[in-house]
Full PDB file with SEQRES, HELIX, SHEET, SSBOND, CRYST1, ORIGX, SCALE, CONECT and MASTER records, all heavy atoms in Angstrom:
SEQRES   1 A   36  GLU ASP TYR GLY ASP TYR ILE ASP GLN PRO ALA TYR THR          
SEQRES   2 A   36  PRO ALA GLY ARG PRO ILE LEU LEU THR ILE GLU ASP ALA          
SEQRES   3 A   36  CYS PRO HIS ALA ASP MET GLY ASP SER PRO                      
HELIX    1 AA1 GLY A    4  ASP A    8  1                                   5    
CRYST1    1.000    1.000    1.000  90.00  90.00  90.00 P 1           1          
ORIGX1      1.000000  0.000000  0.000000        0.00000                         
ORIGX2      0.000000  1.000000  0.000000        0.00000                         
ORIGX3      0.000000  0.000000  1.000000        0.00000                         
SCALE1      1.000000  0.000000  0.000000        0.00000                         
SCALE2      0.000000  1.000000  0.000000        0.00000                         
SCALE3      0.000000  0.000000  1.000000        0.00000                         
ATOM      1  N   GLU A   1      18.017 251.928  84.477  1.00  0.00           N  
ATOM      2  CA  GLU A   1      17.276 250.861  85.253  1.00  0.00           C  
ATOM      3  C   GLU A   1      18.132 250.148  86.060  1.00  0.00           C  
ATOM      4  O   GLU A   1      19.281 249.649  85.692  1.00  0.00           O  
ATOM      5  CB  GLU A   1      16.453 250.073  84.281  1.00  0.00           C  
ATOM      6  CG  GLU A   1      15.449 250.727  83.445  1.00  0.00           C  
ATOM      7  CD  GLU A   1      14.624 249.976  82.522  1.00  0.00           C  
ATOM      8  OE1 GLU A   1      15.087 248.943  81.936  1.00  0.00           O  
ATOM      9  OE2 GLU A   1      13.429 250.349  82.310  1.00  0.00           O  
ATOM     10  N   ASP A   2      17.587 249.726  87.274  1.00  0.00           N  
ATOM     11  CA  ASP A   2      18.438 248.966  88.312  1.00  0.00           C  
ATOM     12  C   ASP A   2      17.713 247.664  88.408  1.00  0.00           C  
ATOM     13  O   ASP A   2      16.617 247.476  88.999  1.00  0.00           O  
ATOM     14  CB  ASP A   2      18.479 249.743  89.629  1.00  0.00           C  
ATOM     15  CG  ASP A   2      19.180 248.896  90.659  1.00  0.00           C  
ATOM     16  OD1 ASP A   2      19.678 247.819  90.298  1.00  0.00           O  
ATOM     17  OD2 ASP A   2      19.238 249.527  91.745  1.00  0.00           O  
ATOM     18  N   TYR A   3      18.324 246.664  87.801  1.00  0.00           N  
ATOM     19  CA  TYR A   3      17.638 245.258  87.807  1.00  0.00           C  
ATOM     20  C   TYR A   3      18.161 244.398  88.970  1.00  0.00           C  
ATOM     21  O   TYR A   3      17.714 243.151  89.005  1.00  0.00           O  
ATOM     22  CB  TYR A   3      18.159 244.553  86.602  1.00  0.00           C  
ATOM     23  CG  TYR A   3      17.617 245.181  85.270  1.00  0.00           C  
ATOM     24  CD1 TYR A   3      18.571 245.914  84.440  1.00  0.00           C  
ATOM     25  CD2 TYR A   3      16.319 245.227  84.788  1.00  0.00           C  
ATOM     26  CE1 TYR A   3      18.068 246.617  83.299  1.00  0.00           C  
ATOM     27  CE2 TYR A   3      15.818 245.826  83.743  1.00  0.00           C  
ATOM     28  CZ  TYR A   3      16.709 246.524  82.918  1.00  0.00           C  
ATOM     29  OH  TYR A   3      16.267 247.090  81.803  1.00  0.00           O  
ATOM     30  N   GLY A   4      18.719 244.887  90.047  1.00  0.00           N  
ATOM     31  CA  GLY A   4      19.165 244.190  91.052  1.00  0.00           C  
ATOM     32  C   GLY A   4      18.153 243.241  91.708  1.00  0.00           C  
ATOM     33  O   GLY A   4      18.452 242.024  92.042  1.00  0.00           O  
ATOM     34  N   ASP A   5      16.925 243.681  91.930  1.00  0.00           N  
ATOM     35  CA  ASP A   5      15.869 242.837  92.505  1.00  0.00           C  
ATOM     36  C   ASP A   5      15.539 241.740  91.696  1.00  0.00           C  
ATOM     37  O   ASP A   5      15.148 240.598  92.145  1.00  0.00           O  
ATOM     38  CB  ASP A   5      14.600 243.667  92.877  1.00  0.00           C  
ATOM     39  CG  ASP A   5      14.771 244.749  93.985  1.00  0.00           C  
ATOM     40  OD1 ASP A   5      15.738 244.526  94.707  1.00  0.00           O  
ATOM     41  OD2 ASP A   5      13.903 245.550  94.133  1.00  0.00           O  
ATOM     42  N   TYR A   6      15.629 241.915  90.278  1.00  0.00           N  
ATOM     43  CA  TYR A   6      15.137 240.926  89.363  1.00  0.00           C  
ATOM     44  C   TYR A   6      16.228 239.772  89.142  1.00  0.00           C  
ATOM     45  O   TYR A   6      16.019 238.659  88.851  1.00  0.00           O  
ATOM     46  CB  TYR A   6      14.709 241.473  88.093  1.00  0.00           C  
ATOM     47  CG  TYR A   6      13.473 242.229  88.365  1.00  0.00           C  
ATOM     48  CD1 TYR A   6      13.462 243.698  88.688  1.00  0.00           C  
ATOM     49  CD2 TYR A   6      12.223 241.649  88.354  1.00  0.00           C  
ATOM     50  CE1 TYR A   6      12.405 244.387  88.869  1.00  0.00           C  
ATOM     51  CE2 TYR A   6      11.105 242.430  88.596  1.00  0.00           C  
ATOM     52  CZ  TYR A   6      11.089 243.734  88.909  1.00  0.00           C  
ATOM     53  OH  TYR A   6       9.943 244.437  89.237  1.00  0.00           O  
ATOM     54  N   ILE A   7      17.436 240.178  89.441  1.00  0.00           N  
ATOM     55  CA  ILE A   7      18.527 239.235  89.432  1.00  0.00           C  
ATOM     56  C   ILE A   7      18.525 238.301  90.640  1.00  0.00           C  
ATOM     57  O   ILE A   7      18.644 237.177  90.525  1.00  0.00           O  
ATOM     58  CB  ILE A   7      20.068 239.953  89.288  1.00  0.00           C  
ATOM     59  CG1 ILE A   7      20.051 240.622  87.955  1.00  0.00           C  
ATOM     60  CG2 ILE A   7      21.096 238.964  89.486  1.00  0.00           C  
ATOM     61  CD1 ILE A   7      21.263 241.605  87.793  1.00  0.00           C  
ATOM     62  N   ASP A   8      18.349 238.988  91.834  1.00  0.00           N  
ATOM     63  CA  ASP A   8      18.190 238.137  93.025  1.00  0.00           C  
ATOM     64  C   ASP A   8      16.924 237.327  93.066  1.00  0.00           C  
ATOM     65  O   ASP A   8      17.089 236.191  93.632  1.00  0.00           O  
ATOM     66  CB  ASP A   8      18.143 239.225  94.181  1.00  0.00           C  
ATOM     67  CG  ASP A   8      19.454 239.954  94.372  1.00  0.00           C  
ATOM     68  OD1 ASP A   8      20.454 239.553  93.734  1.00  0.00           O  
ATOM     69  OD2 ASP A   8      19.442 241.068  94.924  1.00  0.00           O  
ATOM     70  N   GLN A   9      15.825 237.822  92.619  1.00  0.00           N  
ATOM     71  CA  GLN A   9      14.609 237.155  92.718  1.00  0.00           C  
ATOM     72  C   GLN A   9      13.817 237.279  91.551  1.00  0.00           C  
ATOM     73  O   GLN A   9      13.040 238.240  91.400  1.00  0.00           O  
ATOM     74  CB  GLN A   9      13.887 237.528  93.943  1.00  0.00           C  
ATOM     75  CG  GLN A   9      13.324 236.309  94.814  1.00  0.00           C  
ATOM     76  CD  GLN A   9      12.725 236.967  96.114  1.00  0.00           C  
ATOM     77  OE1 GLN A   9      12.474 238.095  96.312  1.00  0.00           O  
ATOM     78  NE2 GLN A   9      12.469 236.138  96.956  1.00  0.00           N  
ATOM     79  N   PRO A  10      13.978 236.502  90.436  1.00  0.00           N  
ATOM     80  CA  PRO A  10      13.145 236.705  89.217  1.00  0.00           C  
ATOM     81  C   PRO A  10      11.698 236.745  89.431  1.00  0.00           C  
ATOM     82  O   PRO A  10      11.137 235.982  90.228  1.00  0.00           O  
ATOM     83  CB  PRO A  10      13.605 235.582  88.300  1.00  0.00           C  
ATOM     84  CG  PRO A  10      14.926 235.036  88.813  1.00  0.00           C  
ATOM     85  CD  PRO A  10      14.747 235.315  90.359  1.00  0.00           C  
ATOM     86  N   ALA A  11      11.059 237.553  88.555  1.00  0.00           N  
ATOM     87  CA  ALA A  11       9.558 237.489  88.654  1.00  0.00           C  
ATOM     88  C   ALA A  11       9.104 236.500  87.539  1.00  0.00           C  
ATOM     89  O   ALA A  11       9.823 235.977  86.683  1.00  0.00           O  
ATOM     90  CB  ALA A  11       9.099 238.863  88.149  1.00  0.00           C  
ATOM     91  N   TYR A  12       7.849 236.120  87.525  1.00  0.00           N  
ATOM     92  CA  TYR A  12       7.172 235.239  86.646  1.00  0.00           C  
ATOM     93  C   TYR A  12       5.875 235.830  86.185  1.00  0.00           C  
ATOM     94  O   TYR A  12       5.162 236.660  86.843  1.00  0.00           O  
ATOM     95  CB  TYR A  12       6.855 233.872  87.415  1.00  0.00           C  
ATOM     96  CG  TYR A  12       8.088 233.049  87.746  1.00  0.00           C  
ATOM     97  CD1 TYR A  12       8.956 233.397  88.858  1.00  0.00           C  
ATOM     98  CD2 TYR A  12       8.525 232.075  86.850  1.00  0.00           C  
ATOM     99  CE1 TYR A  12      10.060 232.721  89.149  1.00  0.00           C  
ATOM    100  CE2 TYR A  12       9.679 231.384  87.123  1.00  0.00           C  
ATOM    101  CZ  TYR A  12      10.404 231.645  88.251  1.00  0.00           C  
ATOM    102  OH  TYR A  12      11.568 231.066  88.583  1.00  0.00           O  
ATOM    103  N   THR A  13       5.550 235.385  84.927  1.00  0.00           N  
ATOM    104  CA  THR A  13       4.256 235.802  84.420  1.00  0.00           C  
ATOM    105  C   THR A  13       3.132 235.146  85.045  1.00  0.00           C  
ATOM    106  O   THR A  13       3.406 234.054  85.796  1.00  0.00           O  
ATOM    107  CB  THR A  13       4.151 235.616  82.862  1.00  0.00           C  
ATOM    108  OG1 THR A  13       4.099 234.165  82.593  1.00  0.00           O  
ATOM    109  CG2 THR A  13       5.350 236.194  82.177  1.00  0.00           C  
ATOM    110  N   PRO A  14       1.833 235.475  84.957  1.00  0.00           N  
ATOM    111  CA  PRO A  14       0.764 234.736  85.435  1.00  0.00           C  
ATOM    112  C   PRO A  14       0.763 233.285  84.920  1.00  0.00           C  
ATOM    113  O   PRO A  14       0.217 232.327  85.604  1.00  0.00           O  
ATOM    114  CB  PRO A  14      -0.513 235.522  85.039  1.00  0.00           C  
ATOM    115  CG  PRO A  14       0.006 236.906  84.866  1.00  0.00           C  
ATOM    116  CD  PRO A  14       1.399 236.786  84.361  1.00  0.00           C  
ATOM    117  N   ALA A  15       1.333 233.093  83.777  1.00  0.00           N  
ATOM    118  CA  ALA A  15       1.414 231.754  83.233  1.00  0.00           C  
ATOM    119  C   ALA A  15       2.554 230.875  83.788  1.00  0.00           C  
ATOM    120  O   ALA A  15       2.688 229.738  83.384  1.00  0.00           O  
ATOM    121  CB  ALA A  15       1.338 231.677  81.693  1.00  0.00           C  
ATOM    122  N   GLY A  16       3.304 231.492  84.610  1.00  0.00           N  
ATOM    123  CA  GLY A  16       4.546 230.736  85.181  1.00  0.00           C  
ATOM    124  C   GLY A  16       5.699 230.833  84.448  1.00  0.00           C  
ATOM    125  O   GLY A  16       6.734 230.095  84.705  1.00  0.00           O  
ATOM    126  N   ARG A  17       5.790 231.771  83.491  1.00  0.00           N  
ATOM    127  CA  ARG A  17       7.054 231.976  82.644  1.00  0.00           C  
ATOM    128  C   ARG A  17       8.020 232.871  83.299  1.00  0.00           C  
ATOM    129  O   ARG A  17       7.608 233.927  83.756  1.00  0.00           O  
ATOM    130  CB  ARG A  17       6.822 232.211  81.275  1.00  0.00           C  
ATOM    131  CG  ARG A  17       5.858 231.333  80.544  1.00  0.00           C  
ATOM    132  CD  ARG A  17       5.679 231.663  79.101  1.00  0.00           C  
ATOM    133  NE  ARG A  17       4.718 230.872  78.405  1.00  0.00           N  
ATOM    134  CZ  ARG A  17       4.954 229.587  78.142  1.00  0.00           C  
ATOM    135  NH1 ARG A  17       6.019 228.963  78.472  1.00  0.00           N  
ATOM    136  NH2 ARG A  17       3.968 228.893  77.571  1.00  0.00           N  
ATOM    137  N   PRO A  18       9.308 232.523  83.414  1.00  0.00           N  
ATOM    138  CA  PRO A  18      10.312 233.425  84.103  1.00  0.00           C  
ATOM    139  C   PRO A  18      10.577 234.686  83.189  1.00  0.00           C  
ATOM    140  O   PRO A  18      10.648 234.557  82.092  1.00  0.00           O  
ATOM    141  CB  PRO A  18      11.538 232.513  84.179  1.00  0.00           C  
ATOM    142  CG  PRO A  18      11.368 231.600  83.140  1.00  0.00           C  
ATOM    143  CD  PRO A  18       9.980 231.250  82.975  1.00  0.00           C  
ATOM    144  N   ILE A  19      10.562 235.781  83.878  1.00  0.00           N  
ATOM    145  CA  ILE A  19      11.063 237.028  83.249  1.00  0.00           C  
ATOM    146  C   ILE A  19      12.486 237.245  83.632  1.00  0.00           C  
ATOM    147  O   ILE A  19      12.839 237.308  84.909  1.00  0.00           O  
ATOM    148  CB  ILE A  19      10.216 238.199  83.835  1.00  0.00           C  
ATOM    149  CG1 ILE A  19       8.686 237.931  83.411  1.00  0.00           C  
ATOM    150  CG2 ILE A  19      10.632 239.637  83.248  1.00  0.00           C  
ATOM    151  CD1 ILE A  19       7.726 238.935  84.147  1.00  0.00           C  
ATOM    152  N   LEU A  20      13.386 237.286  82.643  1.00  0.00           N  
ATOM    153  CA  LEU A  20      14.827 237.318  82.812  1.00  0.00           C  
ATOM    154  C   LEU A  20      15.514 238.484  82.097  1.00  0.00           C  
ATOM    155  O   LEU A  20      14.862 239.101  81.299  1.00  0.00           O  
ATOM    156  CB  LEU A  20      15.373 235.975  82.246  1.00  0.00           C  
ATOM    157  CG  LEU A  20      14.736 234.738  82.793  1.00  0.00           C  
ATOM    158  CD1 LEU A  20      15.140 233.562  81.900  1.00  0.00           C  
ATOM    159  CD2 LEU A  20      15.220 234.534  84.212  1.00  0.00           C  
ATOM    160  N   LEU A  21      16.601 238.733  82.443  1.00  0.00           N  
ATOM    161  CA  LEU A  21      17.488 239.796  81.836  1.00  0.00           C  
ATOM    162  C   LEU A  21      18.125 239.148  80.570  1.00  0.00           C  
ATOM    163  O   LEU A  21      18.454 237.985  80.512  1.00  0.00           O  
ATOM    164  CB  LEU A  21      18.667 240.245  82.624  1.00  0.00           C  
ATOM    165  CG  LEU A  21      18.302 241.336  83.715  1.00  0.00           C  
ATOM    166  CD1 LEU A  21      19.375 241.541  84.650  1.00  0.00           C  
ATOM    167  CD2 LEU A  21      17.874 242.592  83.050  1.00  0.00           C  
ATOM    168  N   THR A  22      18.093 239.869  79.456  1.00  0.00           N  
ATOM    169  CA  THR A  22      18.691 239.492  78.289  1.00  0.00           C  
ATOM    170  C   THR A  22      20.093 238.939  78.378  1.00  0.00           C  
ATOM    171  O   THR A  22      20.471 238.004  77.810  1.00  0.00           O  
ATOM    172  CB  THR A  22      18.665 240.551  77.267  1.00  0.00           C  
ATOM    173  OG1 THR A  22      17.343 240.988  77.063  1.00  0.00           O  
ATOM    174  CG2 THR A  22      19.181 240.097  75.825  1.00  0.00           C  
ATOM    175  N   ILE A  23      20.933 239.489  79.314  1.00  0.00           N  
ATOM    176  CA  ILE A  23      22.276 239.229  79.511  1.00  0.00           C  
ATOM    177  C   ILE A  23      22.668 238.152  80.422  1.00  0.00           C  
ATOM    178  O   ILE A  23      23.787 237.784  80.711  1.00  0.00           O  
ATOM    179  CB  ILE A  23      23.139 240.470  79.777  1.00  0.00           C  
ATOM    180  CG1 ILE A  23      22.621 241.074  81.064  1.00  0.00           C  
ATOM    181  CG2 ILE A  23      23.123 241.489  78.661  1.00  0.00           C  
ATOM    182  CD1 ILE A  23      23.451 242.210  81.636  1.00  0.00           C  
ATOM    183  N   GLU A  24      21.425 237.534  81.089  1.00  0.00           N  
ATOM    184  CA  GLU A  24      21.829 236.439  81.944  1.00  0.00           C  
ATOM    185  C   GLU A  24      22.376 235.216  81.201  1.00  0.00           C  
ATOM    186  O   GLU A  24      22.072 235.083  79.945  1.00  0.00           O  
ATOM    187  CB  GLU A  24      20.482 235.974  82.550  1.00  0.00           C  
ATOM    188  CG  GLU A  24      20.005 236.984  83.632  1.00  0.00           C  
ATOM    189  CD  GLU A  24      18.858 236.405  84.524  1.00  0.00           C  
ATOM    190  OE1 GLU A  24      19.052 235.359  85.015  1.00  0.00           O  
ATOM    191  OE2 GLU A  24      17.830 237.142  84.542  1.00  0.00           O  
ATOM    192  N   ASP A  25      23.226 234.475  81.853  1.00  0.00           N  
ATOM    193  CA  ASP A  25      23.808 233.190  81.287  1.00  0.00           C  
ATOM    194  C   ASP A  25      22.737 232.309  80.788  1.00  0.00           C  
ATOM    195  O   ASP A  25      21.741 232.193  81.511  1.00  0.00           O  
ATOM    196  CB  ASP A  25      24.681 232.487  82.322  1.00  0.00           C  
ATOM    197  CG  ASP A  25      25.989 233.293  82.635  1.00  0.00           C  
ATOM    198  OD1 ASP A  25      26.323 234.202  81.751  1.00  0.00           O  
ATOM    199  OD2 ASP A  25      26.497 233.019  83.660  1.00  0.00           O  
ATOM    200  N   ALA A  26      22.864 231.763  79.702  1.00  0.00           N  
ATOM    201  CA  ALA A  26      21.884 230.796  79.076  1.00  0.00           C  
ATOM    202  C   ALA A  26      21.878 229.567  80.084  1.00  0.00           C  
ATOM    203  O   ALA A  26      22.820 229.214  80.692  1.00  0.00           O  
ATOM    204  CB  ALA A  26      22.292 230.294  77.694  1.00  0.00           C  
ATOM    205  N   CYS A  27      20.686 229.014  80.218  1.00  0.00           N  
ATOM    206  CA  CYS A  27      20.451 227.897  81.061  1.00  0.00           C  
ATOM    207  C   CYS A  27      20.748 226.532  80.336  1.00  0.00           C  
ATOM    208  O   CYS A  27      20.946 226.627  79.068  1.00  0.00           O  
ATOM    209  CB  CYS A  27      18.916 227.773  81.501  1.00  0.00           C  
ATOM    210  SG  CYS A  27      17.754 227.417  80.201  1.00  0.00           S  
ATOM    211  N   PRO A  28      20.709 225.433  80.924  1.00  0.00           N  
ATOM    212  CA  PRO A  28      20.997 224.125  80.220  1.00  0.00           C  
ATOM    213  C   PRO A  28      20.028 223.732  79.167  1.00  0.00           C  
ATOM    214  O   PRO A  28      20.297 222.925  78.348  1.00  0.00           O  
ATOM    215  CB  PRO A  28      21.018 223.058  81.401  1.00  0.00           C  
ATOM    216  CG  PRO A  28      21.278 223.826  82.688  1.00  0.00           C  
ATOM    217  CD  PRO A  28      20.665 225.297  82.402  1.00  0.00           C  
ATOM    218  N   HIS A  29      18.893 224.404  79.229  1.00  0.00           N  
ATOM    219  CA  HIS A  29      17.768 224.080  78.336  1.00  0.00           C  
ATOM    220  C   HIS A  29      17.672 224.971  77.052  1.00  0.00           C  
ATOM    221  O   HIS A  29      16.805 224.962  76.348  1.00  0.00           O  
ATOM    222  CB  HIS A  29      16.416 224.135  79.032  1.00  0.00           C  
ATOM    223  CG  HIS A  29      16.327 223.374  80.295  1.00  0.00           C  
ATOM    224  ND1 HIS A  29      16.378 222.016  80.328  1.00  0.00           N  
ATOM    225  CD2 HIS A  29      16.194 223.780  81.587  1.00  0.00           C  
ATOM    226  CE1 HIS A  29      16.325 221.726  81.560  1.00  0.00           C  
ATOM    227  NE2 HIS A  29      16.243 222.691  82.428  1.00  0.00           N  
ATOM    228  N   ALA A  30      18.786 225.878  77.042  1.00  0.00           N  
ATOM    229  CA  ALA A  30      18.844 226.881  75.937  1.00  0.00           C  
ATOM    230  C   ALA A  30      18.889 226.214  74.519  1.00  0.00           C  
ATOM    231  O   ALA A  30      19.502 225.205  74.356  1.00  0.00           O  
ATOM    232  CB  ALA A  30      19.853 227.826  76.123  1.00  0.00           C  
ATOM    233  N   ASP A  31      18.267 226.841  73.592  1.00  0.00           N  
ATOM    234  CA  ASP A  31      18.279 226.397  72.193  1.00  0.00           C  
ATOM    235  C   ASP A  31      18.776 227.577  71.369  1.00  0.00           C  
ATOM    236  O   ASP A  31      18.156 228.524  71.132  1.00  0.00           O  
ATOM    237  CB  ASP A  31      17.036 225.972  71.695  1.00  0.00           C  
ATOM    238  CG  ASP A  31      16.921 225.494  70.236  1.00  0.00           C  
ATOM    239  OD1 ASP A  31      17.936 225.627  69.577  1.00  0.00           O  
ATOM    240  OD2 ASP A  31      15.889 225.047  69.817  1.00  0.00           O  
ATOM    241  N   MET A  32      20.112 227.585  70.992  1.00  0.00           N  
ATOM    242  CA  MET A  32      20.746 228.777  70.372  1.00  0.00           C  
ATOM    243  C   MET A  32      20.470 228.752  68.889  1.00  0.00           C  
ATOM    244  O   MET A  32      20.736 229.732  68.175  1.00  0.00           O  
ATOM    245  CB  MET A  32      22.282 228.764  70.690  1.00  0.00           C  
ATOM    246  CG  MET A  32      22.475 228.915  72.058  1.00  0.00           C  
ATOM    247  SD  MET A  32      21.757 230.392  72.779  1.00  0.00           S  
ATOM    248  CE  MET A  32      22.328 230.248  74.567  1.00  0.00           C  
ATOM    249  N   GLY A  33      19.884 227.789  68.372  1.00  0.00           N  
ATOM    250  CA  GLY A  33      19.565 227.754  66.919  1.00  0.00           C  
ATOM    251  C   GLY A  33      20.763 228.049  66.103  1.00  0.00           C  
ATOM    252  O   GLY A  33      21.827 227.373  65.999  1.00  0.00           O  
ATOM    253  N   ASP A  34      20.606 229.104  65.318  1.00  0.00           N  
ATOM    254  CA  ASP A  34      21.741 229.529  64.374  1.00  0.00           C  
ATOM    255  C   ASP A  34      22.899 230.294  65.096  1.00  0.00           C  
ATOM    256  O   ASP A  34      23.754 230.834  64.404  1.00  0.00           O  
ATOM    257  CB  ASP A  34      21.211 230.350  63.200  1.00  0.00           C  
ATOM    258  CG  ASP A  34      20.248 229.593  62.352  1.00  0.00           C  
ATOM    259  OD1 ASP A  34      20.419 228.323  62.381  1.00  0.00           O  
ATOM    260  OD2 ASP A  34      19.407 230.136  61.700  1.00  0.00           O  
ATOM    261  N   SER A  35      22.777 230.542  66.362  1.00  0.00           N  
ATOM    262  CA  SER A  35      23.798 231.257  67.062  1.00  0.00           C  
ATOM    263  C   SER A  35      24.602 230.322  68.156  1.00  0.00           C  
ATOM    264  O   SER A  35      24.378 230.382  69.290  1.00  0.00           O  
ATOM    265  CB  SER A  35      23.123 232.351  67.883  1.00  0.00           C  
ATOM    266  OG  SER A  35      22.472 233.254  67.111  1.00  0.00           O  
ATOM    267  N   PRO A  36      25.356 229.305  67.519  1.00  0.00           N  
ATOM    268  CA  PRO A  36      25.995 228.414  68.348  1.00  0.00           C  
ATOM    269  C   PRO A  36      27.014 229.058  69.424  1.00  0.00           C  
ATOM    270  O   PRO A  36      27.292 228.396  70.427  1.00  0.00           O  
ATOM    271  CB  PRO A  36      26.679 227.481  67.386  1.00  0.00           C  
ATOM    272  CG  PRO A  36      26.844 228.298  66.197  1.00  0.00           C  
ATOM    273  CD  PRO A  36      25.716 229.236  66.101  1.00  0.00           C  
TER     274      PRO A  36                                                      
MASTER        0    0    0    1    0    0    0    6  273    1    0    3          
END                                                                             
């Protein structure tokens, strides 16, 4: 799979939630829970 388009311009669900790659850097709002 070639994720280039989704890295450059992420898609969103109809509810407005971002669709992201698992390996993208965590955002400032991330909650890592038991994985500090």
